C-alpha atoms as a PDB file:
ATOM      1  CA  UNK A   1      44.378  30.984  10.135  1.00  0.00           C
ATOM      2  CA  UNK A   2      42.770  33.868  12.024  1.00  0.00           C
ATOM      3  CA  UNK A   3      39.187  33.719  13.222  1.00  0.00           C
ATOM      4  CA  UNK A   4      36.748  36.570  13.763  1.00  0.00           C
ATOM      5  CA  UNK A   5      36.519  37.313  17.483  1.00  0.00           C
ATOM      6  CA  UNK A   6      32.793  37.949  17.161  1.00  0.00           C
ATOM      7  CA  UNK A   7      31.384  34.962  15.269  1.00  0.00           C
ATOM      8  CA  UNK A   8      34.262  32.472  14.951  1.00  0.00           C
ATOM      9  CA  UNK A   9      34.337  32.493  11.137  1.00  0.00           C
ATOM     10  CA  UNK A  10      37.761  32.276   9.472  1.00  0.00           C
ATOM     11  CA  UNK A  11      38.722  35.781   8.335  1.00  0.00           C
ATOM     12  CA  UNK A  12      39.144  36.213   4.587  1.00  0.00           C
ATOM     13  CA  UNK A  13      39.555  39.228   2.314  1.00  0.00           C
ATOM     14  CA  UNK A  14      38.502  37.911  -1.091  1.00  0.00           C
ATOM     15  CA  UNK A  15      34.704  37.459  -1.201  1.00  0.00           C
ATOM     16  CA  UNK A  16      32.411  39.892   0.626  1.00  0.00           C
ATOM     17  CA  UNK A  17      29.455  37.521   0.178  1.00  0.00           C
ATOM     18  CA  UNK A  18      31.066  34.705   2.179  1.00  0.00           C
ATOM     19  CA  UNK A  19      31.378  34.404   5.988  1.00  0.00           C
ATOM     20  CA  UNK A  20      34.458  35.980   7.556  1.00  0.00           C
ATOM     21  CA  UNK A  21      34.955  38.733   4.981  1.00  0.00           C
ATOM     22  CA  UNK A  22      36.832  41.838   6.058  1.00  0.00           C
ATOM     23  CA  UNK A  23      38.288  44.523   3.752  1.00  0.00           C
ATOM     24  CA  UNK A  24      41.048  45.165   6.304  1.00  0.00           C
ATOM     25  CA  UNK A  25      43.991  42.783   6.547  1.00  0.00           C
ATOM     26  CA  UNK A  26      44.570  43.334  10.291  1.00  0.00           C
ATOM     27  CA  UNK A  27      40.936  43.360  11.455  1.00  0.00           C
ATOM     28  CA  UNK A  28      39.874  41.316  14.519  1.00  0.00           C
ATOM     29  CA  UNK A  29      36.246  41.193  13.339  1.00  0.00           C
ATOM     30  CA  UNK A  30      34.656  40.352  10.016  1.00  0.00           C
ATOM     31  CA  UNK A  31      32.670  43.085   8.297  1.00  0.00           C
ATOM     32  CA  UNK A  32      29.378  41.433   9.208  1.00  0.00           C
ATOM     33  CA  UNK A  33      30.176  41.414  12.942  1.00  0.00           C
ATOM     34  CA  UNK A  34      31.587  44.958  12.814  1.00  0.00           C
ATOM     35  CA  UNK A  35      28.381  46.310  11.322  1.00  0.00           C
ATOM     36  CA  UNK A  36      26.188  44.287  13.695  1.00  0.00           C
ATOM     37  CA  UNK A  37      28.117  45.502  16.738  1.00  0.00           C
ATOM     38  CA  UNK A  38      28.286  49.174  15.769  1.00  0.00           C
ATOM     39  CA  UNK A  39      25.199  49.730  13.595  1.00  0.00           C
ATOM     40  CA  UNK A  40      22.851  46.744  14.159  1.00  0.00           C
ATOM     41  CA  UNK A  41      23.122  46.338  10.400  1.00  0.00           C
ATOM     42  CA  UNK A  42      22.687  42.777   9.089  1.00  0.00           C
ATOM     43  CA  UNK A  43      24.703  42.708   5.863  1.00  0.00           C
ATOM     44  CA  UNK A  44      24.398  38.934   5.283  1.00  0.00           C
ATOM     45  CA  UNK A  45      21.625  36.705   6.646  1.00  0.00           C
ATOM     46  CA  UNK A  46      22.880  33.360   7.966  1.00  0.00           C
ATOM     47  CA  UNK A  47      19.745  32.123   9.717  1.00  0.00           C
ATOM     48  CA  UNK A  48      19.567  29.195   7.270  1.00  0.00           C
ATOM     49  CA  UNK A  49      23.287  28.833   6.737  1.00  0.00           C
ATOM     50  CA  UNK A  50      24.362  26.394   9.467  1.00  0.00           C
ATOM     51  CA  UNK A  51      23.579  22.660   9.365  1.00  0.00           C
ATOM     52  CA  UNK A  52      22.130  21.846  12.837  1.00  0.00           C
ATOM     53  CA  UNK A  53      23.045  18.148  12.554  1.00  0.00           C
ATOM     54  CA  UNK A  54      26.654  19.129  11.878  1.00  0.00           C
ATOM     55  CA  UNK A  55      26.742  21.210  15.049  1.00  0.00           C
ATOM     56  CA  UNK A  56      25.291  18.440  17.231  1.00  0.00           C
ATOM     57  CA  UNK A  57      27.446  15.734  15.629  1.00  0.00           C
ATOM     58  CA  UNK A  58      30.609  17.749  16.216  1.00  0.00           C
ATOM     59  CA  UNK A  59      29.701  18.419  19.850  1.00  0.00           C
ATOM     60  CA  UNK A  60      29.075  14.686  20.326  1.00  0.00           C
ATOM     61  CA  UNK A  61      32.709  13.938  19.428  1.00  0.00           C
ATOM     62  CA  UNK A  62      34.088  16.215  22.151  1.00  0.00           C
ATOM     63  CA  UNK A  63      35.313  15.199  25.577  1.00  0.00           C
ATOM     64  CA  UNK A  64      33.642  18.209  27.149  1.00  0.00           C
ATOM     65  CA  UNK A  65      31.098  19.451  29.650  1.00  0.00           C
ATOM     66  CA  UNK A  66      27.996  20.790  27.886  1.00  0.00           C
ATOM     67  CA  UNK A  67      26.554  24.139  28.924  1.00  0.00           C
ATOM     68  CA  UNK A  68      23.115  24.100  27.253  1.00  0.00           C
ATOM     69  CA  UNK A  69      21.611  27.588  27.022  1.00  0.00           C
ATOM     70  CA  UNK A  70      17.829  27.683  26.671  1.00  0.00           C
ATOM     71  CA  UNK A  71      15.540  30.683  26.333  1.00  0.00           C
ATOM     72  CA  UNK A  72      13.234  30.429  29.347  1.00  0.00           C
ATOM     73  CA  UNK A  73      10.633  32.695  27.727  1.00  0.00           C
ATOM     74  CA  UNK A  74      10.715  30.630  24.508  1.00  0.00           C
ATOM     75  CA  UNK A  75      11.293  27.331  26.299  1.00  0.00           C
ATOM     76  CA  UNK A  76       9.430  24.972  23.957  1.00  0.00           C
ATOM     77  CA  UNK A  77      11.338  26.193  20.901  1.00  0.00           C
ATOM     78  CA  UNK A  78      14.610  25.865  22.844  1.00  0.00           C
ATOM     79  CA  UNK A  79      14.220  22.123  23.273  1.00  0.00           C
ATOM     80  CA  UNK A  80      16.379  19.820  21.115  1.00  0.00           C
ATOM     81  CA  UNK A  81      14.591  16.519  20.395  1.00  0.00           C
ATOM     82  CA  UNK A  82      16.585  13.464  21.413  1.00  0.00           C
ATOM     83  CA  UNK A  83      19.398  15.469  23.013  1.00  0.00           C
ATOM     84  CA  UNK A  84      20.322  12.750  25.524  1.00  0.00           C
ATOM     85  CA  UNK A  85      20.539  10.188  22.725  1.00  0.00           C
ATOM     86  CA  UNK A  86      22.502  12.507  20.444  1.00  0.00           C
ATOM     87  CA  UNK A  87      24.910  13.504  23.220  1.00  0.00           C
ATOM     88  CA  UNK A  88      24.987  10.108  24.958  1.00  0.00           C
ATOM     89  CA  UNK A  89      27.270  10.005  27.967  1.00  0.00           C
ATOM     90  CA  UNK A  90      27.912  13.758  28.073  1.00  0.00           C
ATOM     91  CA  UNK A  91      27.306  15.803  31.224  1.00  0.00           C
ATOM     92  CA  UNK A  92      24.789  18.595  30.595  1.00  0.00           C
ATOM     93  CA  UNK A  93      24.237  21.719  32.687  1.00  0.00           C
ATOM     94  CA  UNK A  94      21.182  23.707  31.594  1.00  0.00           C
ATOM     95  CA  UNK A  95      21.321  27.491  31.842  1.00  0.00           C
ATOM     96  CA  UNK A  96      17.848  28.997  31.375  1.00  0.00           C
ATOM     97  CA  UNK A  97      18.315  32.589  30.214  1.00  0.00           C
ATOM     98  CA  UNK A  98      15.988  35.614  30.043  1.00  0.00           C
ATOM     99  CA  UNK A  99      14.357  35.033  33.411  1.00  0.00           C
ATOM    100  CA  UNK A 100      14.031  38.826  33.627  1.00  0.00           C
ATOM    101  CA  UNK A 101      11.373  38.795  30.884  1.00  0.00           C
ATOM    102  CA  UNK A 102       8.889  37.173  33.288  1.00  0.00           C
ATOM    103  CA  UNK A 103       6.655  39.198  35.629  1.00  0.00           C
ATOM    104  CA  UNK A 104       8.338  39.925  38.958  1.00  0.00           C
ATOM    105  CA  UNK A 105       5.630  37.934  40.744  1.00  0.00           C
ATOM    106  CA  UNK A 106       6.923  34.690  39.186  1.00  0.00           C
ATOM    107  CA  UNK A 107       9.581  33.422  41.593  1.00  0.00           C
ATOM    108  CA  UNK A 108      12.656  31.258  41.044  1.00  0.00           C
ATOM    109  CA  UNK A 109      11.073  28.161  42.592  1.00  0.00           C
ATOM    110  CA  UNK A 110       8.016  28.321  40.346  1.00  0.00           C
ATOM    111  CA  UNK A 111      10.068  28.696  37.182  1.00  0.00           C
ATOM    112  CA  UNK A 112      12.472  25.913  38.220  1.00  0.00           C
ATOM    113  CA  UNK A 113       9.542  23.603  38.998  1.00  0.00           C
ATOM    114  CA  UNK A 114       8.104  24.339  35.539  1.00  0.00           C
ATOM    115  CA  UNK A 115      11.414  23.531  33.816  1.00  0.00           C
ATOM    116  CA  UNK A 116      11.916  20.248  35.679  1.00  0.00           C
ATOM    117  CA  UNK A 117       8.308  19.256  35.002  1.00  0.00           C
ATOM    118  CA  UNK A 118       8.663  19.871  31.261  1.00  0.00           C
ATOM    119  CA  UNK A 119      12.043  18.101  31.124  1.00  0.00           C
ATOM    120  CA  UNK A 120      10.498  15.055  32.781  1.00  0.00           C
ATOM    121  CA  UNK A 121       7.630  15.052  30.280  1.00  0.00           C
ATOM    122  CA  UNK A 122      10.102  15.378  27.395  1.00  0.00           C
ATOM    123  CA  UNK A 123      12.447  12.702  28.753  1.00  0.00           C
ATOM    124  CA  UNK A 124      15.411  15.089  29.027  1.00  0.00           C
ATOM    125  CA  UNK A 125      18.022  14.552  31.757  1.00  0.00           C
ATOM    126  CA  UNK A 126      20.454  17.205  33.015  1.00  0.00           C
ATOM    127  CA  UNK A 127      22.963  17.366  35.867  1.00  0.00           C
ATOM    128  CA  UNK A 128      22.037  20.843  37.052  1.00  0.00           C
ATOM    129  CA  UNK A 129      19.710  23.773  36.292  1.00  0.00           C
ATOM    130  CA  UNK A 130      20.663  27.431  36.618  1.00  0.00           C
ATOM    131  CA  UNK A 131      18.210  30.263  35.929  1.00  0.00           C
ATOM    132  CA  UNK A 132      19.820  33.494  34.817  1.00  0.00           C
ATOM    133  CA  UNK A 133      18.936  36.975  33.641  1.00  0.00           C
ATOM    134  CA  UNK A 134      20.741  40.084  32.503  1.00  0.00           C
ATOM    135  CA  UNK A 135      22.765  41.788  35.243  1.00  0.00           C
ATOM    136  CA  UNK A 136      22.332  38.826  37.619  1.00  0.00           C
ATOM    137  CA  UNK A 137      25.788  38.338  39.145  1.00  0.00           C
ATOM    138  CA  UNK A 138      24.605  35.614  41.519  1.00  0.00           C
ATOM    139  CA  UNK A 139      23.647  33.352  38.627  1.00  0.00           C
ATOM    140  CA  UNK A 140      27.036  33.970  36.978  1.00  0.00           C
ATOM    141  CA  UNK A 141      28.722  32.766  40.163  1.00  0.00           C
ATOM    142  CA  UNK A 142      26.443  29.712  40.100  1.00  0.00           C
ATOM    143  CA  UNK A 143      27.586  28.938  36.549  1.00  0.00           C
ATOM    144  CA  UNK A 144      31.263  29.292  37.449  1.00  0.00           C
ATOM    145  CA  UNK A 145      30.757  27.040  40.484  1.00  0.00           C
ATOM    146  CA  UNK A 146      28.911  24.407  38.434  1.00  0.00           C
ATOM    147  CA  UNK A 147      31.644  24.436  35.771  1.00  0.00           C
ATOM    148  CA  UNK A 148      34.405  24.159  38.383  1.00  0.00           C
ATOM    149  CA  UNK A 149      32.642  21.155  39.946  1.00  0.00           C
ATOM    150  CA  UNK A 150      31.771  19.304  36.745  1.00  0.00           C
ATOM    151  CA  UNK A 151      34.383  20.178  34.095  1.00  0.00           C
ATOM    152  CA  UNK A 152      37.152  18.090  35.694  1.00  0.00           C
ATOM    153  CA  UNK A 153      39.832  19.347  33.325  1.00  0.00           C
ATOM    154  CA  UNK A 154      37.603  19.225  30.237  1.00  0.00           C
ATOM    155  CA  UNK A 155      36.625  22.086  27.928  1.00  0.00           C
ATOM    156  CA  UNK A 156      33.104  23.508  28.226  1.00  0.00           C
ATOM    157  CA  UNK A 157      31.083  23.562  25.009  1.00  0.00           C
ATOM    158  CA  UNK A 158      28.299  26.165  25.006  1.00  0.00           C
ATOM    159  CA  UNK A 159      25.352  25.174  22.818  1.00  0.00           C
ATOM    160  CA  UNK A 160      21.713  26.068  22.260  1.00  0.00           C
ATOM    161  CA  UNK A 161      19.087  27.056  19.776  1.00  0.00           C
ATOM    162  CA  UNK A 162      19.533  30.201  17.692  1.00  0.00           C
ATOM    163  CA  UNK A 163      18.857  33.374  19.708  1.00  0.00           C
ATOM    164  CA  UNK A 164      18.956  31.560  23.073  1.00  0.00           C
ATOM    165  CA  UNK A 165      21.543  34.002  24.433  1.00  0.00           C
ATOM    166  CA  UNK A 166      24.824  32.032  24.266  1.00  0.00           C
ATOM    167  CA  UNK A 167      27.063  34.885  23.152  1.00  0.00           C
ATOM    168  CA  UNK A 168      25.369  37.335  25.518  1.00  0.00           C
ATOM    169  CA  UNK A 169      26.022  35.026  28.462  1.00  0.00           C
ATOM    170  CA  UNK A 170      29.657  34.422  27.491  1.00  0.00           C
ATOM    171  CA  UNK A 171      30.251  38.163  27.158  1.00  0.00           C
ATOM    172  CA  UNK A 172      28.902  38.627  30.672  1.00  0.00           C
ATOM    173  CA  UNK A 173      31.149  35.854  31.932  1.00  0.00           C
ATOM    174  CA  UNK A 174      34.135  37.629  30.301  1.00  0.00           C
ATOM    175  CA  UNK A 175      32.971  41.051  31.596  1.00  0.00           C
ATOM    176  CA  UNK A 176      33.457  42.455  28.115  1.00  0.00           C
ATOM    177  CA  UNK A 177      31.603  42.534  24.802  1.00  0.00           C
ATOM    178  CA  UNK A 178      33.949  40.429  22.706  1.00  0.00           C
ATOM    179  CA  UNK A 179      31.445  38.133  20.981  1.00  0.00           C
ATOM    180  CA  UNK A 180      28.923  39.553  18.544  1.00  0.00           C
ATOM    181  CA  UNK A 181      25.435  39.790  20.030  1.00  0.00           C
ATOM    182  CA  UNK A 182      22.299  40.404  17.989  1.00  0.00           C
ATOM    183  CA  UNK A 183      18.657  39.418  17.671  1.00  0.00           C
ATOM    184  CA  UNK A 184      19.379  37.719  14.344  1.00  0.00           C
ATOM    185  CA  UNK A 185      19.570  33.906  14.215  1.00  0.00           C
ATOM    186  CA  UNK A 186      22.889  32.703  12.819  1.00  0.00           C
ATOM    187  CA  UNK A 187      25.104  35.337  14.458  1.00  0.00           C
ATOM    188  CA  UNK A 188      27.772  32.820  15.587  1.00  0.00           C
ATOM    189  CA  UNK A 189      29.078  31.015  12.504  1.00  0.00           C
ATOM    190  CA  UNK A 190      31.717  28.569  13.752  1.00  0.00           C
ATOM    191  CA  UNK A 191      33.135  26.947  16.877  1.00  0.00           C
ATOM    192  CA  UNK A 192      34.967  29.693  18.761  1.00  0.00           C
ATOM    193  CA  UNK A 193      37.334  29.050  21.686  1.00  0.00           C
ATOM    194  CA  UNK A 194      37.455  31.520  24.585  1.00  0.00           C
ATOM    195  CA  UNK A 195      39.420  31.283  27.823  1.00  0.00           C
ATOM    196  CA  UNK A 196      37.697  32.633  30.945  1.00  0.00           C
ATOM    197  CA  UNK A 197      39.456  32.416  34.305  1.00  0.00           C
ATOM    198  CA  UNK A 198      41.740  29.706  32.933  1.00  0.00           C
ATOM    199  CA  UNK A 199      38.839  27.562  31.673  1.00  0.00           C
ATOM    200  CA  UNK A 200      38.350  26.987  27.933  1.00  0.00           C
ATOM    201  CA  UNK A 201      34.801  27.588  26.666  1.00  0.00           C
ATOM    202  CA  UNK A 202      33.745  26.853  23.098  1.00  0.00           C
ATOM    203  CA  UNK A 203      30.969  29.011  21.663  1.00  0.00           C
ATOM    204  CA  UNK A 204      29.029  27.213  18.933  1.00  0.00           C
ATOM    205  CA  UNK A 205      26.675  28.257  16.114  1.00  0.00           C
ATOM    206  CA  UNK A 206      23.047  28.507  17.162  1.00  0.00           C
ATOM    207  CA  UNK A 207      21.117  25.368  16.251  1.00  0.00           C
ATOM    208  CA  UNK A 208      18.396  26.214  13.754  1.00  0.00           C
ATOM    209  CA  UNK A 209      14.774  26.060  14.858  1.00  0.00           C
ATOM    210  CA  UNK A 210      12.773  25.597  11.691  1.00  0.00           C
ATOM    211  CA  UNK A 211       9.504  25.485  13.632  1.00  0.00           C
ATOM    212  CA  UNK A 212      10.036  28.904  15.240  1.00  0.00           C
ATOM    213  CA  UNK A 213       8.463  32.184  14.165  1.00  0.00           C
ATOM    214  CA  UNK A 214      11.980  33.670  14.348  1.00  0.00           C
ATOM    215  CA  UNK A 215      12.886  31.694  11.242  1.00  0.00           C
ATOM    216  CA  UNK A 216       9.658  32.491   9.368  1.00  0.00           C
ATOM    217  CA  UNK A 217       9.712  36.299   9.353  1.00  0.00           C
ATOM    218  CA  UNK A 218      11.906  38.895   7.680  1.00  0.00           C
ATOM    219  CA  UNK A 219      14.865  40.036   9.786  1.00  0.00           C
ATOM    220  CA  UNK A 220      13.443  43.520  10.303  1.00  0.00           C
ATOM    221  CA  UNK A 221      10.372  41.971  11.966  1.00  0.00           C
ATOM    222  CA  UNK A 222      12.465  40.350  14.725  1.00  0.00           C
ATOM    223  CA  UNK A 223      12.672  43.572  16.721  1.00  0.00           C
ATOM    224  CA  UNK A 224       8.869  43.546  16.858  1.00  0.00           C
ATOM    225  CA  UNK A 225       8.336  39.974  18.031  1.00  0.00           C
ATOM    226  CA  UNK A 226      11.345  39.431  20.353  1.00  0.00           C
ATOM    227  CA  UNK A 227      10.649  41.039  23.766  1.00  0.00           C
ATOM    228  CA  UNK A 228      13.438  43.292  25.029  1.00  0.00           C
ATOM    229  CA  UNK A 229      11.993  44.226  28.416  1.00  0.00           C
ATOM    230  CA  UNK A 230       9.910  42.529  31.102  1.00  0.00           C
ATOM    231  CA  UNK A 231       6.682  41.252  29.572  1.00  0.00           C
ATOM    232  CA  UNK A 232       3.485  42.697  31.005  1.00  0.00           C
ATOM    233  CA  UNK A 233       0.543  40.259  30.990  1.00  0.00           C
ATOM    234  CA  UNK A 234      -2.414  41.485  28.911  1.00  0.00           C
ATOM    235  CA  UNK A 235      -5.680  40.198  30.388  1.00  0.00           C
ATOM    236  CA  UNK A 236      -8.991  39.668  28.582  1.00  0.00           C
ATOM    237  CA  UNK A 237     -12.251  38.498  30.150  1.00  0.00           C
ATOM    238  CA  UNK A 238     -14.082  36.127  27.825  1.00  0.00           C
ATOM    239  CA  UNK A 239     -17.731  35.416  27.048  1.00  0.00           C
ATOM    240  CA  UNK A 240     -19.215  33.227  24.312  1.00  0.00           C
ATOM    241  CA  UNK A 241     -16.915  32.623  21.292  1.00  0.00           C
ATOM    242  CA  UNK A 242     -13.854  34.856  21.078  1.00  0.00           C
ATOM    243  CA  UNK A 243     -10.974  35.296  18.623  1.00  0.00           C
ATOM    244  CA  UNK A 244      -7.562  36.983  18.912  1.00  0.00           C
ATOM    245  CA  UNK A 245      -5.234  37.901  16.056  1.00  0.00           C
ATOM    246  CA  UNK A 246      -1.588  38.568  16.901  1.00  0.00           C
ATOM    247  CA  UNK A 247      -0.835  40.861  14.009  1.00  0.00           C
ATOM    248  CA  UNK A 248      -0.942  38.629  10.946  1.00  0.00           C
ATOM    249  CA  UNK A 249       1.250  35.989  12.604  1.00  0.00           C
ATOM    250  CA  UNK A 250      -1.183  33.864  14.607  1.00  0.00           C
ATOM    251  CA  UNK A 251      -4.855  33.554  15.474  1.00  0.00           C
ATOM    252  CA  UNK A 252      -6.449  32.022  18.562  1.00  0.00           C
ATOM    253  CA  UNK A 253     -10.157  31.099  18.687  1.00  0.00           C
ATOM    254  CA  UNK A 254     -11.755  30.113  22.006  1.00  0.00           C
ATOM    255  CA  UNK A 255     -15.278  28.679  22.075  1.00  0.00           C
ATOM    256  CA  UNK A 256     -18.113  28.458  24.639  1.00  0.00           C
ATOM    257  CA  UNK A 257     -16.465  30.799  27.128  1.00  0.00           C
ATOM    258  CA  UNK A 258     -18.190  31.197  30.480  1.00  0.00           C
ATOM    259  CA  UNK A 259     -16.303  33.127  33.162  1.00  0.00           C
ATOM    260  CA  UNK A 260     -13.100  32.486  31.253  1.00  0.00           C
ATOM    261  CA  UNK A 261      -9.916  34.550  30.975  1.00  0.00           C
ATOM    262  CA  UNK A 262      -7.183  34.801  28.359  1.00  0.00           C
ATOM    263  CA  UNK A 263      -3.837  36.290  29.395  1.00  0.00           C
ATOM    264  CA  UNK A 264      -1.241  37.047  26.715  1.00  0.00           C
ATOM    265  CA  UNK A 265       2.529  37.048  27.223  1.00  0.00           C
ATOM    266  CA  UNK A 266       4.110  38.715  24.184  1.00  0.00           C
ATOM    267  CA  UNK A 267       6.444  41.482  23.076  1.00  0.00           C
ATOM    268  CA  UNK A 268       4.859  44.859  23.803  1.00  0.00           C
ATOM    269  CA  UNK A 269       5.425  45.813  20.164  1.00  0.00           C
ATOM    270  CA  UNK A 270       2.904  43.254  18.929  1.00  0.00           C
ATOM    271  CA  UNK A 271      -0.722  44.270  18.442  1.00  0.00           C
ATOM    272  CA  UNK A 272      -3.520  42.030  19.730  1.00  0.00           C
ATOM    273  CA  UNK A 273      -6.807  42.339  17.841  1.00  0.00           C
ATOM    274  CA  UNK A 274      -9.882  40.900  19.557  1.00  0.00           C
ATOM    275  CA  UNK A 275     -13.141  40.009  17.847  1.00  0.00           C
ATOM    276  CA  UNK A 276     -16.054  37.609  18.004  1.00  0.00           C
ATOM    277  CA  UNK A 277     -15.076  34.228  16.572  1.00  0.00           C
ATOM    278  CA  UNK A 278     -17.931  34.498  14.050  1.00  0.00           C
ATOM    279  CA  UNK A 279     -16.323  37.606  12.545  1.00  0.00           C
ATOM    280  CA  UNK A 280     -12.714  36.393  12.654  1.00  0.00           C
ATOM    281  CA  UNK A 281     -12.517  34.969   9.119  1.00  0.00           C
ATOM    282  CA  UNK A 282     -13.822  38.189   7.541  1.00  0.00           C
ATOM    283  CA  UNK A 283     -11.517  40.296   9.714  1.00  0.00           C
ATOM    284  CA  UNK A 284      -8.519  38.202   8.671  1.00  0.00           C
ATOM    285  CA  UNK A 285      -9.340  38.319   4.951  1.00  0.00           C
ATOM    286  CA  UNK A 286      -9.968  42.058   4.977  1.00  0.00           C
ATOM    287  CA  UNK A 287      -7.039  43.232   7.096  1.00  0.00           C
ATOM    288  CA  UNK A 288      -4.298  40.599   6.699  1.00  0.00           C
ATOM    289  CA  UNK A 289      -1.008  42.328   5.904  1.00  0.00           C
ATOM    290  CA  UNK A 290      -2.503  45.747   6.653  1.00  0.00           C
ATOM    291  CA  UNK A 291      -3.979  46.266  10.111  1.00  0.00           C
ATOM    292  CA  UNK A 292      -3.038  42.659  10.868  1.00  0.00           C
ATOM    293  CA  UNK A 293       0.718  42.951  10.604  1.00  0.00           C
ATOM    294  CA  UNK A 294       3.525  41.942  10.722  1.00  0.00           C
ATOM    295  CA  UNK A 295       3.146  38.766   8.706  1.00  0.00           C
ATOM    296  CA  UNK A 296       5.289  35.673   8.111  1.00  0.00           C
ATOM    297  CA  UNK A 297       7.137  34.905   4.897  1.00  0.00           C
ATOM    298  CA  UNK A 298       4.449  32.342   4.020  1.00  0.00           C
ATOM    299  CA  UNK A 299       0.716  32.949   3.820  1.00  0.00           C
ATOM    300  CA  UNK A 300      -0.112  29.238   4.164  1.00  0.00           C
ATOM    301  CA  UNK A 301      -1.508  28.436   7.613  1.00  0.00           C
ATOM    302  CA  UNK A 302      -2.019  25.315   9.718  1.00  0.00           C
ATOM    303  CA  UNK A 303      -4.682  24.868  12.414  1.00  0.00           C
ATOM    304  CA  UNK A 304      -4.297  23.029  15.729  1.00  0.00           C
ATOM    305  CA  UNK A 305      -7.099  22.431  18.201  1.00  0.00           C
ATOM    306  CA  UNK A 306      -7.676  20.978  21.639  1.00  0.00           C
ATOM    307  CA  UNK A 307     -10.651  20.339  23.884  1.00  0.00           C
ATOM    308  CA  UNK A 308      -9.861  22.184  27.083  1.00  0.00           C
ATOM    309  CA  UNK A 309      -9.728  19.870  30.111  1.00  0.00           C
ATOM    310  CA  UNK A 310      -7.322  21.583  32.495  1.00  0.00           C
ATOM    311  CA  UNK A 311      -8.510  24.649  34.360  1.00  0.00           C
ATOM    312  CA  UNK A 312      -5.495  26.618  33.090  1.00  0.00           C
ATOM    313  CA  UNK A 313      -3.691  25.841  29.856  1.00  0.00           C
ATOM    314  CA  UNK A 314      -0.940  27.628  27.945  1.00  0.00           C
ATOM    315  CA  UNK A 315      -1.139  27.848  24.164  1.00  0.00           C
ATOM    316  CA  UNK A 316       2.466  28.369  23.061  1.00  0.00           C
ATOM    317  CA  UNK A 317       3.531  29.549  19.608  1.00  0.00           C
ATOM    318  CA  UNK A 318       7.256  28.910  19.110  1.00  0.00           C
ATOM    319  CA  UNK A 319       9.231  32.117  18.780  1.00  0.00           C
ATOM    320  CA  UNK A 320       6.254  34.353  19.564  1.00  0.00           C
ATOM    321  CA  UNK A 321       4.933  33.827  23.105  1.00  0.00           C
ATOM    322  CA  UNK A 322       1.866  32.261  24.629  1.00  0.00           C
ATOM    323  CA  UNK A 323      -1.684  32.729  25.890  1.00  0.00           C
ATOM    324  CA  UNK A 324      -2.908  31.280  29.177  1.00  0.00           C
ATOM    325  CA  UNK A 325      -6.572  30.306  28.963  1.00  0.00           C
ATOM    326  CA  UNK A 326      -8.348  29.657  32.257  1.00  0.00           C
ATOM    327  CA  UNK A 327     -11.926  29.051  33.344  1.00  0.00           C
ATOM    328  CA  UNK A 328     -14.768  27.485  31.421  1.00  0.00           C
ATOM    329  CA  UNK A 329     -14.253  27.030  27.668  1.00  0.00           C
ATOM    330  CA  UNK A 330     -14.799  24.037  25.424  1.00  0.00           C
ATOM    331  CA  UNK A 331     -12.462  24.206  22.439  1.00  0.00           C
ATOM    332  CA  UNK A 332      -9.310  26.138  21.609  1.00  0.00           C
ATOM    333  CA  UNK A 333      -8.072  26.506  18.040  1.00  0.00           C
ATOM    334  CA  UNK A 334      -4.838  28.174  16.978  1.00  0.00           C
ATOM    335  CA  UNK A 335      -3.775  29.015  13.441  1.00  0.00           C
ATOM    336  CA  UNK A 336      -0.134  29.679  12.630  1.00  0.00           C
ATOM    337  CA  UNK A 337       2.018  29.808   9.488  1.00  0.00           C
ATOM    338  CA  UNK A 338       2.770  26.347   8.132  1.00  0.00           C
ATOM    339  CA  UNK A 339       5.702  24.757   9.949  1.00  0.00           C
ATOM    340  CA  UNK A 340       5.456  26.800  13.150  1.00  0.00           C
ATOM    341  CA  UNK A 341       5.389  24.732  16.349  1.00  0.00           C
ATOM    342  CA  UNK A 342       2.454  24.938  18.758  1.00  0.00           C
ATOM    343  CA  UNK A 343       2.393  23.420  22.260  1.00  0.00           C
ATOM    344  CA  UNK A 344      -0.551  22.992  24.607  1.00  0.00           C
ATOM    345  CA  UNK A 345       0.856  22.665  28.116  1.00  0.00           C
ATOM    346  CA  UNK A 346      -0.081  22.991  31.757  1.00  0.00           C
ATOM    347  CA  UNK A 347       0.083  26.670  32.621  1.00  0.00           C
ATOM    348  CA  UNK A 348       3.506  27.943  33.642  1.00  0.00           C
ATOM    349  CA  UNK A 349       1.891  30.536  35.943  1.00  0.00           C
END
């Protein structure tokens, strides 16, 4: 039984609509991975194809060290509820990827303090935290050192939410692009063993995040909403009642603003449309799906609201980004497609 080197699926040559299909008998990669690697062409969507409970349950049976990869920029969506209960007794090292998406002014200590603060609030316990970014060799050495200290002869299982950066990190650790990397959730399809410097690592399918915008848009929209380069804060000074539409994906209304500021942290390909809150409903009805685009696969929306008490608060939309609202304002309302997660948290910056 031969597995695809890119996604871990068992190679087969009979059914092109099933995982692992390759028309060539001696291929190392399935057709899906080959086209993703060479053409960024998604022939089969698997973002809803992997049972997340199956992945977690299988990991729980392993005598292994867990390397949990989380997307630092999309931290809230990266969390796995009840992880310490589900993986009881397992040692967990958290690797927070995509640090390079944050403004250069945000230092390591500040980001680490944020992560530990959120983990404490969420009741999540880990043995060690490592922040990493693309082309950061020091963090790779930190990962190797942490594995050498904690593996104690065990395999290392690499897990995380879909699109957290597991395969990208493992490719960097191997110094070669063996595993298939893409923006599409569901790229890794099965448990895939890799040996690096004599240590066995097991790449696993990304755990689905139903409450993320990544799962609620068409695949071609992902390149618009997933940031590829360092995010530049977009600052707005606020007065009275203000509204912001992020394409047709989310809307943020802020009321009774006096010397207030709203700073957005999003992909630079997303358009922010500002208006008075009183005009926001008409603007949305008139331009939704046209000027206000892209849109989600559902047009049914849910509203969340909070009375602002902290001086600075982040309004986080899973899979999209966040807005930091500071200064004097009374109420904040956010509207997102039904099922998308929203978090109000103490400001990360």
